[in-house]
Amino acid sequence: MEAIINFAYTGKIKINESNVEDVASAASYLQISILLDHCVNYMTRRIKFNNAIKIYKFIKSIRGDTERGSMRYIEKHFLQLSRTSEFLQLDCDEFYEILKSDHLFVDSELQVLEVILSWISHDIDRRLQYITKLYKTIRLGLVSIEMINDKFKMHPTIPNALKKSISKDEANNIFEMFRKAEHQYMDYANRSRHCQDVSPIIYAIGEISKDRYNINGVGSAIECYDKDSDKWFRNDSSILKRKLFAVVYDGSNIIILGGNDGSNKLRLATKYDRFTLDWKNLPPMLSRRSALCAATINGVIYAIGGYDGSTFLNSMEFFNPQTLKWHQGPSMSLQRSGAAVVVYQELIIVIGGRCGQTVHSSIEIFCTRRFQWKIINNALNIPRWGHAVALNNNQIFIFGGNNGSETLKSCECYFIEHERSLEFPPLQYPRTNASSHLLNNSLYVFGGYNDERKLGSTEVFSFKTNQWNFGPFLRFIEGSVQSVIVNTNTSQIIK
């Protein structure tokens, strides 16, 4: 109290780790906001892994609200902190406040579910009553109720406790409420979380010039783009002996499907762990597919179209990660190789492609809920195969490709809701089999072919200037390339 009195007269006070909590408590009680803010800033500047939860709880107790400095640290280190005893001792309101955040650093809502189940299991007799409240924080539009239910049933503690605590009918009512909530809170349910302190990283997998790097036969490599440093870098020296494959990111791993090894079209499905740099084969696809496209929704992986060596394909198959099996799905109206794909809400939208010499300007849309296709003819201004695409809200940006007679640098923007396409400023280079992403309000297009010439350049479109400029060159990749975008810490992947 003497320090507080001195502060009242002199406006000066010495804060250190031994007295900051006492001074902050007194400042809160006496409503000296300037001093309280000073104490809070002092604590948040010194936040570390071993004191983050303690500081968060203390600040919340004396201010009655969530302080962004401590909350941002918890959001960024959510999964690691969730395994600590301090985190597991949070009360329900504190835990709920964290779970609601739009900025948790997670790859999938299933990871949020796992944290919820872990917290409940820590004191299951007392905490089981909160299960409905906490489950409402899961973004139900980003993960299926069936996957939530499966994860719930497989948990070693929760199911047994549920059987003792509530009836089966009551349990079903909980999941029915989640289904209703998905429609009632559509914006929240479909809003992805994005950690403010973590930059997205582009993982590109594409051809290496065999002349430049003395590689026999087909070879593809992995490299990454970090916007903060504006550089491509390589953290894995492994070479993939195939090209013209499809790539998806399932929330945890990068999945590479099909392609060709220079002699054969492939059924291979391979999982790449971006942290351990390990490769693991998944069960092979039902059909051989090269120049296919692929997508993932709610953990289910879809392989669509392509070329099997003799036939252009209109078939679709999907992989269930729970059963580890591929299943045949309904076929598209048209055979499509070299098509492009985006995921929009519950829809898989397949754009263009070709069947032999016929190049398509149509789009086919697969609704995963209704499990059926719809075709929109003449959706594109120009028929294309081998083009790159990027999604921005309800707009699909379409770059380059080939119209059957020449490689294109023309671009267009397709509006999903209006089912129409408008011209977009052209690329500086014509490109086929390039890849593209929207990253921090800029469009990136990289790699591909300009007729016979392999490209390693990057083009960046700024919506502020409405023009394309060249970005950094890929360091190893030249030619056809596929890519995914992942939210991660750069320090986690640079070796």
Protein backbone atom coordinates (compact mmCIF):
# COMPACT_ATOMS: atom_id res chain seq x y z
CA MET A 1 0.00 0.00 0.00
CA GLU A 2 2.93 2.33 0.64
CA ALA A 3 3.92 2.01 -3.03
CA ILE A 4 0.38 2.98 -4.07
CA ILE A 5 0.42 6.07 -1.81
CA ASN A 6 3.79 7.12 -3.20
CA PHE A 7 2.41 6.69 -6.72
CA ALA A 8 -0.57 8.93 -5.86
CA TYR A 9 1.82 11.74 -4.81
CA THR A 10 4.70 11.27 -7.25
CA GLY A 11 3.19 9.45 -10.22
CA LYS A 12 6.09 6.98 -10.02
CA ILE A 13 6.24 3.37 -8.89
CA LYS A 14 8.75 0.56 -9.26
CA ILE A 15 7.17 -2.64 -10.57
CA ASN A 16 8.94 -5.99 -10.43
CA GLU A 17 8.00 -9.67 -10.57
CA SER A 18 7.66 -9.94 -6.80
CA ASN A 19 5.19 -7.07 -6.31
CA VAL A 20 3.30 -6.77 -9.62
CA GLU A 21 0.33 -8.91 -8.56
CA ASP A 22 -0.10 -7.04 -5.25
CA VAL A 23 0.14 -3.65 -6.96
CA ALA A 24 -2.29 -4.74 -9.70
CA SER A 25 -4.80 -6.01 -7.11
CA ALA A 26 -4.62 -2.77 -5.16
CA ALA A 27 -4.92 -0.68 -8.34
CA SER A 28 -7.98 -2.68 -9.33
CA TYR A 29 -9.61 -2.25 -5.89
CA LEU A 30 -8.89 1.50 -5.84
CA GLN A 31 -9.85 1.86 -9.51
CA ILE A 32 -6.55 3.42 -10.53
CA SER A 33 -6.86 2.40 -14.17
CA ILE A 34 -3.57 3.91 -15.38
CA LEU A 35 -1.63 1.91 -12.81
CA LEU A 36 -3.61 -1.25 -13.49
CA ASP A 37 -2.88 -0.97 -17.21
CA HIS A 38 0.80 -0.50 -16.44
CA CYS A 39 0.83 -3.70 -14.35
CA VAL A 40 -1.03 -5.66 -17.02
CA ASN A 41 1.42 -4.50 -19.72
CA TYR A 42 4.32 -5.49 -17.47
CA MET A 43 2.94 -9.03 -17.06
CA THR A 44 2.04 -9.60 -20.70
CA ARG A 45 5.50 -8.53 -21.84
CA ARG A 46 6.90 -11.33 -19.67
CA ILE A 47 4.46 -14.05 -20.62
CA LYS A 48 6.02 -17.47 -21.22
CA PHE A 49 4.84 -21.03 -21.71
CA ASN A 50 5.08 -21.85 -18.01
CA ASN A 51 3.17 -18.78 -16.77
CA ALA A 52 0.71 -18.05 -19.61
CA ILE A 53 -2.35 -19.61 -17.96
CA LYS A 54 -1.55 -18.09 -14.57
CA ILE A 55 -1.24 -14.59 -16.05
CA TYR A 56 -4.42 -15.04 -18.12
CA LYS A 57 -6.42 -16.11 -15.04
CA PHE A 58 -5.02 -13.36 -12.83
CA ILE A 59 -5.68 -10.54 -15.30
CA LYS A 60 -9.19 -11.83 -15.95
CA SER A 61 -9.87 -11.94 -12.20
CA ILE A 62 -8.85 -8.33 -11.54
CA ARG A 63 -10.21 -6.74 -14.75
CA GLY A 64 -13.25 -8.87 -15.36
CA ASP A 65 -12.49 -9.19 -19.08
CA THR A 66 -10.03 -10.95 -21.36
CA GLU A 67 -6.75 -9.15 -21.91
CA ARG A 68 -5.58 -9.53 -25.52
CA GLY A 69 -1.87 -9.91 -24.78
CA SER A 70 -2.25 -13.07 -22.70
CA MET A 71 -5.08 -14.35 -24.88
CA ARG A 72 -3.00 -14.03 -28.06
CA TYR A 73 -0.25 -16.14 -26.50
CA ILE A 74 -2.77 -18.84 -25.54
CA GLU A 75 -4.32 -18.77 -29.04
CA LYS A 76 -0.94 -19.27 -30.69
CA HIS A 77 0.13 -22.10 -28.34
CA PHE A 78 -3.35 -23.56 -27.78
CA LEU A 79 -2.57 -27.23 -28.50
CA GLN A 80 0.66 -27.29 -26.53
CA LEU A 81 -0.84 -25.48 -23.53
CA SER A 82 -3.91 -27.72 -23.56
CA ARG A 83 -1.73 -30.60 -22.32
CA THR A 84 -0.51 -28.76 -19.22
CA SER A 85 -1.96 -29.19 -15.73
CA GLU A 86 -2.62 -25.43 -15.46
CA PHE A 87 -4.78 -25.51 -18.58
CA LEU A 88 -6.72 -28.56 -17.38
CA GLN A 89 -7.52 -26.70 -14.16
CA LEU A 90 -9.28 -23.83 -15.96
CA ASP A 91 -12.91 -23.45 -14.90
CA CYS A 92 -15.66 -23.86 -17.49
CA ASP A 93 -16.17 -20.13 -18.15
CA GLU A 94 -12.44 -19.55 -18.67
CA PHE A 95 -12.18 -22.58 -20.94
CA TYR A 96 -15.30 -21.57 -22.89
CA GLU A 97 -13.91 -18.07 -23.47
CA ILE A 98 -10.77 -19.55 -25.05
CA LEU A 99 -12.68 -22.06 -27.19
CA LYS A 100 -14.87 -19.32 -28.70
CA SER A 101 -11.88 -17.48 -30.15
CA ASP A 102 -11.64 -17.03 -33.93
CA HIS A 103 -7.85 -17.04 -33.61
CA LEU A 104 -6.95 -20.46 -32.15
CA PHE A 105 -3.98 -21.99 -33.95
CA VAL A 106 -5.44 -25.35 -34.98
CA ASP A 107 -5.42 -27.32 -38.22
CA SER A 108 -8.86 -28.84 -37.70
CA GLU A 109 -11.94 -28.50 -35.51
CA LEU A 110 -11.36 -32.11 -34.52
CA GLN A 111 -8.34 -30.88 -32.57
CA VAL A 112 -10.63 -28.52 -30.66
CA LEU A 113 -12.90 -31.47 -29.92
CA GLU A 114 -9.97 -33.49 -28.60
CA VAL A 115 -9.05 -30.66 -26.23
CA ILE A 116 -12.66 -30.47 -25.00
CA LEU A 117 -12.74 -34.22 -24.32
CA SER A 118 -9.39 -34.04 -22.53
CA TRP A 119 -10.58 -31.17 -20.29
CA ILE A 120 -13.82 -32.98 -19.42
CA SER A 121 -11.99 -36.25 -18.71
CA HIS A 122 -9.72 -34.48 -16.22
CA ASP A 123 -12.66 -34.21 -13.79
CA ILE A 124 -15.41 -36.10 -15.55
CA ASP A 125 -17.88 -36.35 -12.66
CA ARG A 126 -18.02 -32.56 -12.30
CA ARG A 127 -17.47 -31.51 -15.89
CA LEU A 128 -19.72 -33.81 -17.88
CA GLN A 129 -22.59 -31.37 -17.34
CA TYR A 130 -20.76 -28.78 -19.52
CA ILE A 131 -20.41 -30.97 -22.61
CA THR A 132 -23.30 -29.37 -24.53
CA LYS A 133 -22.11 -25.82 -23.84
CA LEU A 134 -18.54 -26.58 -24.89
CA TYR A 135 -19.52 -28.47 -28.04
CA LYS A 136 -21.30 -25.35 -29.28
CA THR A 137 -17.86 -23.75 -29.75
CA ILE A 138 -16.93 -26.24 -32.50
CA ARG A 139 -17.30 -24.82 -36.02
CA LEU A 140 -19.82 -27.38 -37.21
CA GLY A 141 -19.73 -26.23 -40.81
CA LEU A 142 -16.05 -27.25 -41.01
CA VAL A 143 -16.40 -30.80 -39.69
CA SER A 144 -19.19 -33.33 -40.03
CA ILE A 145 -21.38 -34.32 -37.10
CA GLU A 146 -20.60 -37.95 -37.96
CA MET A 147 -16.86 -37.36 -37.44
CA ILE A 148 -17.57 -35.60 -34.14
CA ASN A 149 -19.78 -38.51 -33.09
CA ASP A 150 -17.12 -41.07 -34.06
CA LYS A 151 -14.40 -39.21 -32.16
CA PHE A 152 -16.73 -38.93 -29.20
CA LYS A 153 -17.58 -42.65 -29.20
CA MET A 154 -13.94 -43.71 -29.53
CA HIS A 155 -12.81 -41.66 -26.54
CA PRO A 156 -11.65 -44.02 -23.76
CA THR A 157 -13.45 -42.20 -20.94
CA ILE A 158 -16.38 -40.18 -22.22
CA PRO A 159 -18.63 -42.90 -23.69
CA ASN A 160 -18.68 -45.00 -20.52
CA ALA A 161 -19.46 -41.97 -18.42
CA LEU A 162 -22.21 -40.92 -20.80
CA LYS A 163 -23.84 -44.32 -20.56
CA LYS A 164 -24.01 -43.94 -16.81
CA SER A 165 -25.00 -40.28 -16.78
CA ILE A 166 -27.53 -39.77 -19.57
CA SER A 167 -29.73 -41.96 -21.73
CA LYS A 168 -29.02 -42.78 -25.36
CA ASP A 169 -31.96 -40.66 -26.44
CA GLU A 170 -30.57 -37.67 -24.56
CA ALA A 171 -27.19 -38.16 -26.20
CA ASN A 172 -28.86 -38.19 -29.62
CA ASN A 173 -30.66 -34.98 -28.69
CA ILE A 174 -27.30 -33.32 -28.08
CA PHE A 175 -26.07 -34.19 -31.58
CA GLU A 176 -29.43 -33.17 -33.09
CA MET A 177 -28.99 -29.79 -31.41
CA PHE A 178 -25.57 -29.48 -33.05
CA ARG A 179 -27.17 -30.13 -36.45
CA LYS A 180 -29.72 -27.39 -35.84
CA ALA A 181 -27.01 -25.06 -34.59
CA GLU A 182 -25.10 -25.57 -37.85
CA HIS A 183 -27.98 -24.00 -39.76
CA GLN A 184 -28.97 -21.45 -37.13
CA TYR A 185 -25.44 -20.07 -36.74
CA MET A 186 -24.22 -20.58 -40.31
CA ASP A 187 -21.76 -17.69 -40.25
CA TYR A 188 -20.12 -18.87 -37.03
CA ALA A 189 -20.27 -22.55 -38.01
CA ASN A 190 -18.44 -21.96 -41.30
CA ARG A 191 -15.99 -19.30 -40.11
CA SER A 192 -12.45 -20.65 -40.16
CA ARG A 193 -10.12 -19.83 -37.30
CA HIS A 194 -7.02 -17.85 -38.18
CA CYS A 195 -4.27 -17.18 -35.68
CA GLN A 196 -3.17 -13.56 -35.96
CA ASP A 197 0.43 -14.39 -35.08
CA VAL A 198 0.87 -17.24 -37.56
CA SER A 199 1.45 -16.64 -41.27
CA PRO A 200 0.10 -19.07 -43.90
CA ILE A 201 2.76 -21.09 -45.71
CA ILE A 202 2.40 -22.36 -49.27
CA TYR A 203 3.65 -25.95 -49.75
CA ALA A 204 4.43 -26.49 -53.43
CA ILE A 205 5.18 -29.94 -54.87
CA GLY A 206 6.35 -29.96 -58.43
CA GLU A 207 8.79 -31.02 -61.11
CA ILE A 208 12.52 -30.57 -60.76
CA SER A 209 14.53 -29.91 -63.90
CA LYS A 210 16.33 -33.24 -64.43
CA ASP A 211 19.01 -31.51 -66.55
CA ARG A 212 19.71 -28.92 -63.87
CA TYR A 213 19.74 -31.35 -60.94
CA ASN A 214 21.05 -34.49 -62.67
CA ILE A 215 17.94 -36.59 -61.94
CA ASN A 216 17.11 -39.67 -63.99
CA GLY A 217 13.45 -39.86 -65.03
CA VAL A 218 10.57 -38.02 -63.37
CA GLY A 219 11.25 -36.13 -60.16
CA SER A 220 9.25 -33.75 -57.99
CA ALA A 221 10.34 -31.82 -54.92
CA ILE A 222 8.74 -29.90 -52.06
CA GLU A 223 9.44 -26.28 -51.27
CA CYS A 224 7.64 -23.64 -49.24
CA TYR A 225 6.82 -19.96 -49.56
CA ASP A 226 6.81 -17.67 -46.51
CA LYS A 227 5.22 -14.28 -47.17
CA ASP A 228 6.91 -12.63 -44.18
CA SER A 229 10.37 -13.22 -45.67
CA ASP A 230 9.03 -13.23 -49.28
CA LYS A 231 11.14 -16.29 -50.06
CA TRP A 232 10.77 -19.83 -51.30
CA PHE A 233 12.77 -22.34 -49.26
CA ARG A 234 13.25 -26.07 -49.14
CA ASN A 235 13.13 -28.02 -45.88
CA ASP A 236 13.04 -31.56 -47.28
CA SER A 237 15.53 -33.04 -49.73
CA SER A 238 13.36 -36.04 -50.70
CA ILE A 239 12.41 -36.54 -54.34
CA LEU A 240 8.98 -37.84 -55.38
CA LYS A 241 9.19 -40.06 -58.46
CA ARG A 242 6.04 -38.81 -60.19
CA LYS A 243 4.29 -35.80 -61.68
CA LEU A 244 0.80 -34.64 -62.72
CA PHE A 245 -0.63 -35.73 -59.37
CA ALA A 246 -3.19 -33.98 -57.17
CA VAL A 247 -2.49 -32.58 -53.69
CA VAL A 248 -4.82 -31.88 -50.75
CA TYR A 249 -4.31 -30.90 -47.12
CA ASP A 250 -6.52 -32.80 -44.67
CA GLY A 251 -5.87 -30.53 -41.68
CA SER A 252 -2.88 -32.55 -40.45
CA ASN A 253 -1.04 -34.05 -43.41
CA ILE A 254 -0.45 -33.35 -47.09
CA ILE A 255 -1.96 -36.07 -49.29
CA ILE A 256 -0.60 -36.75 -52.80
CA LEU A 257 -2.83 -38.71 -55.17
CA GLY A 258 -2.16 -40.47 -58.48
CA GLY A 259 0.03 -38.96 -61.18
CA ASN A 260 2.45 -40.76 -63.46
CA ASP A 261 6.03 -41.96 -63.03
CA GLY A 262 7.02 -41.45 -66.67
CA SER A 263 5.79 -44.90 -67.71
CA ASN A 264 2.58 -45.66 -65.86
CA LYS A 265 -0.48 -43.85 -64.54
CA LEU A 266 -0.73 -44.42 -60.80
CA ARG A 267 -3.26 -45.40 -58.13
CA LEU A 268 -0.89 -44.32 -55.36
CA ALA A 269 -2.08 -42.30 -52.38
CA THR A 270 0.72 -41.00 -50.15
CA LYS A 271 0.60 -39.09 -46.88
CA TYR A 272 3.34 -36.57 -46.07
CA ASP A 273 3.95 -35.46 -42.49
CA ARG A 274 5.25 -31.89 -42.73
CA PHE A 275 6.83 -32.01 -39.24
CA THR A 276 8.62 -35.38 -39.30
CA LEU A 277 9.13 -35.24 -43.12
CA ASP A 278 7.99 -38.87 -43.28
CA TRP A 279 6.12 -40.44 -46.20
CA LYS A 280 3.49 -43.12 -45.65
CA ASN A 281 1.42 -44.98 -48.24
CA LEU A 282 -2.34 -44.96 -47.84
CA PRO A 283 -4.59 -47.59 -49.49
CA PRO A 284 -4.36 -47.08 -53.28
CA MET A 285 -7.20 -45.50 -55.22
CA LEU A 286 -9.68 -47.68 -57.10
CA SER A 287 -8.60 -46.24 -60.48
CA ARG A 288 -5.33 -45.11 -62.04
CA ARG A 289 -5.44 -41.35 -62.41
CA SER A 290 -3.03 -38.81 -63.86
CA ALA A 291 -3.89 -35.11 -64.32
CA LEU A 292 -6.73 -35.56 -61.84
CA CYS A 293 -8.09 -33.03 -59.40
CA ALA A 294 -8.80 -33.61 -55.71
CA ALA A 295 -10.52 -31.97 -52.77
CA THR A 296 -11.22 -32.61 -49.10
CA ILE A 297 -14.27 -31.71 -46.99
CA ASN A 298 -14.74 -32.75 -43.36
CA GLY A 299 -11.74 -35.06 -43.59
CA VAL A 300 -13.10 -37.01 -46.58
CA ILE A 301 -10.79 -36.97 -49.63
CA TYR A 302 -12.27 -36.88 -53.14
CA ALA A 303 -10.32 -37.88 -56.30
CA ILE A 304 -12.00 -36.68 -59.48
CA GLY A 305 -11.49 -37.26 -63.20
CA GLY A 306 -8.06 -37.56 -64.81
CA TYR A 307 -6.59 -39.97 -67.37
CA ASP A 308 -5.82 -43.65 -66.77
CA GLY A 309 -3.55 -44.20 -69.79
CA SER A 310 -6.31 -45.16 -72.23
CA THR A 311 -9.47 -43.34 -71.12
CA PHE A 312 -10.31 -39.85 -69.97
CA LEU A 313 -12.29 -40.24 -66.75
CA ASN A 314 -15.53 -38.77 -65.44
CA SER A 315 -15.53 -40.99 -62.34
CA MET A 316 -15.12 -39.84 -58.75
CA GLU A 317 -14.00 -41.82 -55.72
CA PHE A 318 -13.68 -40.81 -52.08
CA PHE A 319 -11.55 -41.94 -49.15
CA ASN A 320 -13.03 -42.37 -45.67
CA PRO A 321 -10.26 -41.71 -43.09
CA GLN A 322 -12.19 -43.61 -40.42
CA THR A 323 -12.42 -46.89 -42.37
CA LEU A 324 -9.27 -46.27 -44.47
CA LYS A 325 -11.18 -47.37 -47.57
CA TRP A 326 -11.89 -45.86 -50.99
CA HIS A 327 -15.47 -45.89 -52.27
CA GLN A 328 -16.89 -45.22 -55.72
CA GLY A 329 -18.96 -42.03 -55.94
CA PRO A 330 -21.31 -40.69 -58.61
CA SER A 331 -19.72 -39.73 -61.93
CA MET A 332 -19.62 -36.31 -63.58
CA SER A 333 -21.51 -35.66 -66.79
CA LEU A 334 -18.28 -35.15 -68.78
CA GLN A 335 -14.85 -36.79 -68.84
CA ARG A 336 -12.30 -34.28 -67.51
CA SER A 337 -8.52 -34.39 -67.40
CA GLY A 338 -6.48 -31.34 -66.42
CA ALA A 339 -9.47 -29.75 -64.68
CA ALA A 340 -9.17 -27.48 -61.65
CA VAL A 341 -11.12 -27.61 -58.40
CA VAL A 342 -12.15 -25.43 -55.44
CA VAL A 343 -14.16 -26.16 -52.30
CA TYR A 344 -16.94 -23.72 -51.47
CA GLN A 345 -18.91 -24.48 -48.28
CA GLU A 346 -20.30 -28.03 -48.85
CA LEU A 347 -19.67 -27.91 -52.61
CA ILE A 348 -16.82 -29.27 -54.73
CA ILE A 349 -16.59 -27.19 -57.93
CA VAL A 350 -14.72 -28.74 -60.88
CA ILE A 351 -13.76 -26.24 -63.56
CA GLY A 352 -12.97 -26.89 -67.21
CA GLY A 353 -10.64 -29.72 -68.28
CA ARG A 354 -10.47 -31.73 -71.46
CA CYS A 355 -11.43 -35.04 -73.04
CA GLY A 356 -8.98 -35.74 -75.86
CA GLN A 357 -9.08 -32.74 -78.21
CA THR A 358 -12.29 -31.37 -76.70
CA VAL A 359 -11.67 -28.63 -74.13
CA HIS A 360 -14.50 -27.76 -71.73
CA SER A 361 -15.89 -24.38 -70.74
CA SER A 362 -18.40 -25.98 -68.36
CA ILE A 363 -18.32 -26.36 -64.59
CA GLU A 364 -19.62 -29.31 -62.58
CA ILE A 365 -20.62 -28.90 -58.93
CA PHE A 366 -20.81 -31.79 -56.46
CA CYS A 367 -22.92 -31.28 -53.34
CA THR A 368 -21.48 -33.48 -50.58
CA ARG A 369 -24.72 -33.33 -48.60
CA ARG A 370 -27.02 -34.34 -51.47
CA PHE A 371 -24.30 -36.55 -53.00
CA GLN A 372 -25.03 -35.49 -56.57
CA TRP A 373 -23.55 -33.47 -59.46
CA LYS A 374 -24.90 -30.44 -61.30
CA ILE A 375 -23.42 -29.15 -64.56
CA ILE A 376 -23.31 -25.50 -65.68
CA ASN A 377 -22.58 -25.25 -69.40
CA ASN A 378 -20.57 -22.37 -70.93
CA ALA A 379 -19.65 -21.12 -67.46
CA LEU A 380 -16.19 -19.93 -68.60
CA ASN A 381 -15.52 -17.25 -71.18
CA ILE A 382 -12.75 -19.45 -72.64
CA PRO A 383 -12.54 -23.28 -72.53
CA ARG A 384 -9.46 -24.31 -70.56
CA TRP A 385 -7.44 -27.25 -69.28
CA GLY A 386 -4.27 -27.10 -67.16
CA HIS A 387 -5.35 -23.80 -65.61
CA ALA A 388 -4.80 -22.65 -62.03
CA VAL A 389 -7.56 -21.42 -59.72
CA ALA A 390 -7.93 -19.59 -56.40
CA LEU A 391 -11.04 -18.96 -54.31
CA ASN A 392 -11.89 -15.63 -52.66
CA ASN A 393 -15.24 -15.73 -50.84
CA ASN A 394 -17.73 -16.54 -53.65
CA GLN A 395 -15.34 -15.67 -56.50
CA ILE A 396 -13.17 -18.17 -58.38
CA PHE A 397 -10.12 -16.64 -60.07
CA ILE A 398 -8.97 -18.67 -63.09
CA PHE A 399 -5.47 -18.27 -64.54
CA GLY A 400 -3.97 -19.36 -67.85
CA GLY A 401 -4.25 -22.95 -69.08
CA ASN A 402 -4.65 -24.15 -72.64
CA ASN A 403 -7.67 -23.73 -74.93
CA GLY A 404 -6.75 -26.63 -77.24
CA SER A 405 -4.53 -24.65 -79.56
CA GLU A 406 -2.32 -22.41 -77.41
CA THR A 407 -1.08 -21.76 -73.90
CA LEU A 408 -3.00 -18.88 -72.35
CA LYS A 409 -2.13 -15.91 -70.19
CA SER A 410 -5.74 -14.72 -70.08
CA CYS A 411 -7.60 -14.85 -66.76
CA GLU A 412 -11.21 -14.60 -65.64
CA CYS A 413 -13.23 -14.40 -62.44
CA TYR A 414 -16.25 -16.67 -61.99
CA PHE A 415 -18.99 -15.56 -59.57
CA ILE A 416 -20.48 -18.66 -57.95
CA GLU A 417 -23.77 -17.13 -56.83
CA HIS A 418 -24.44 -15.40 -60.19
CA GLU A 419 -23.09 -18.25 -62.38
CA ARG A 420 -21.23 -15.85 -64.65
CA SER A 421 -17.61 -15.07 -65.48
CA LEU A 422 -15.88 -11.74 -66.13
CA GLU A 423 -12.48 -10.89 -67.60
CA PHE A 424 -9.56 -10.41 -65.22
CA PRO A 425 -6.15 -8.81 -65.95
CA PRO A 426 -3.94 -11.31 -67.84
CA LEU A 427 -0.76 -12.90 -66.54
CA GLN A 428 2.60 -11.67 -67.78
CA TYR A 429 3.52 -15.20 -68.99
CA PRO A 430 1.24 -17.81 -70.57
CA ARG A 431 1.11 -20.83 -68.21
CA THR A 432 -0.30 -24.36 -68.10
CA ASN A 433 -0.11 -26.69 -65.08
CA ALA A 434 0.81 -23.80 -62.77
CA SER A 435 -0.58 -23.45 -59.24
CA SER A 436 -2.13 -20.51 -57.41
CA HIS A 437 -3.35 -19.24 -54.03
CA LEU A 438 -4.90 -16.19 -52.42
CA LEU A 439 -2.57 -15.07 -49.65
CA ASN A 440 -3.09 -11.94 -47.54
CA ASN A 441 -5.23 -10.23 -50.19
CA SER A 442 -2.80 -10.96 -53.03
CA LEU A 443 -3.03 -13.63 -55.73
CA TYR A 444 0.03 -15.82 -56.33
CA VAL A 445 0.54 -17.87 -59.51
CA PHE A 446 3.75 -19.89 -59.89
CA GLY A 447 5.43 -22.61 -61.93
CA GLY A 448 3.94 -24.35 -64.94
CA TYR A 449 4.82 -24.48 -68.64
CA ASN A 450 4.95 -21.83 -71.34
CA ASP A 451 4.55 -24.24 -74.25
CA GLU A 452 7.69 -26.42 -73.96
CA ARG A 453 9.50 -24.09 -71.60
CA LYS A 454 9.39 -24.94 -67.88
CA LEU A 455 8.73 -21.99 -65.58
CA GLY A 456 9.99 -21.36 -62.07
CA SER A 457 8.75 -17.79 -61.79
CA THR A 458 6.05 -16.38 -59.50
CA GLU A 459 3.53 -13.68 -60.42
CA VAL A 460 1.70 -11.69 -57.74
CA PHE A 461 -1.50 -9.71 -58.32
CA SER A 462 -2.25 -6.79 -55.99
CA PHE A 463 -5.87 -5.72 -55.64
CA LYS A 464 -4.62 -2.30 -54.53
CA THR A 465 -2.76 -1.57 -57.78
CA ASN A 466 -4.85 -3.92 -59.95
CA GLN A 467 -1.77 -5.29 -61.68
CA TRP A 468 0.60 -8.26 -61.80
CA ASN A 469 4.23 -8.11 -60.70
CA PHE A 470 6.92 -10.78 -60.51
CA GLY A 471 7.62 -12.31 -57.13
CA PRO A 472 10.48 -14.55 -55.96
CA PHE A 473 11.53 -17.48 -58.14
CA LEU A 474 11.00 -21.03 -56.99
CA ARG A 475 14.40 -22.39 -56.03
CA PHE A 476 14.07 -25.99 -57.22
CA ILE A 477 10.74 -26.46 -58.98
CA GLU A 478 10.34 -25.85 -62.72
CA GLY A 479 7.30 -27.07 -64.61
CA SER A 480 4.02 -28.61 -63.45
CA VAL A 481 3.26 -27.96 -59.80
CA GLN A 482 0.50 -28.54 -57.25
CA SER A 483 0.25 -26.83 -53.87
CA VAL A 484 -1.67 -26.39 -50.63
CA ILE A 485 -1.76 -23.60 -48.08
CA VAL A 486 -1.20 -24.29 -44.38
CA ASN A 487 -1.29 -22.10 -41.28
CA THR A 488 1.91 -22.84 -39.40
CA ASN A 489 4.91 -21.28 -37.70
CA THR A 490 7.80 -20.89 -40.13
CA SER A 491 10.15 -21.98 -37.34
CA GLN A 492 8.36 -25.33 -37.22
CA ILE A 493 9.33 -26.26 -40.77
CA ILE A 494 12.67 -24.64 -41.57
CA LYS A 495 15.48 -27.11 -40.91
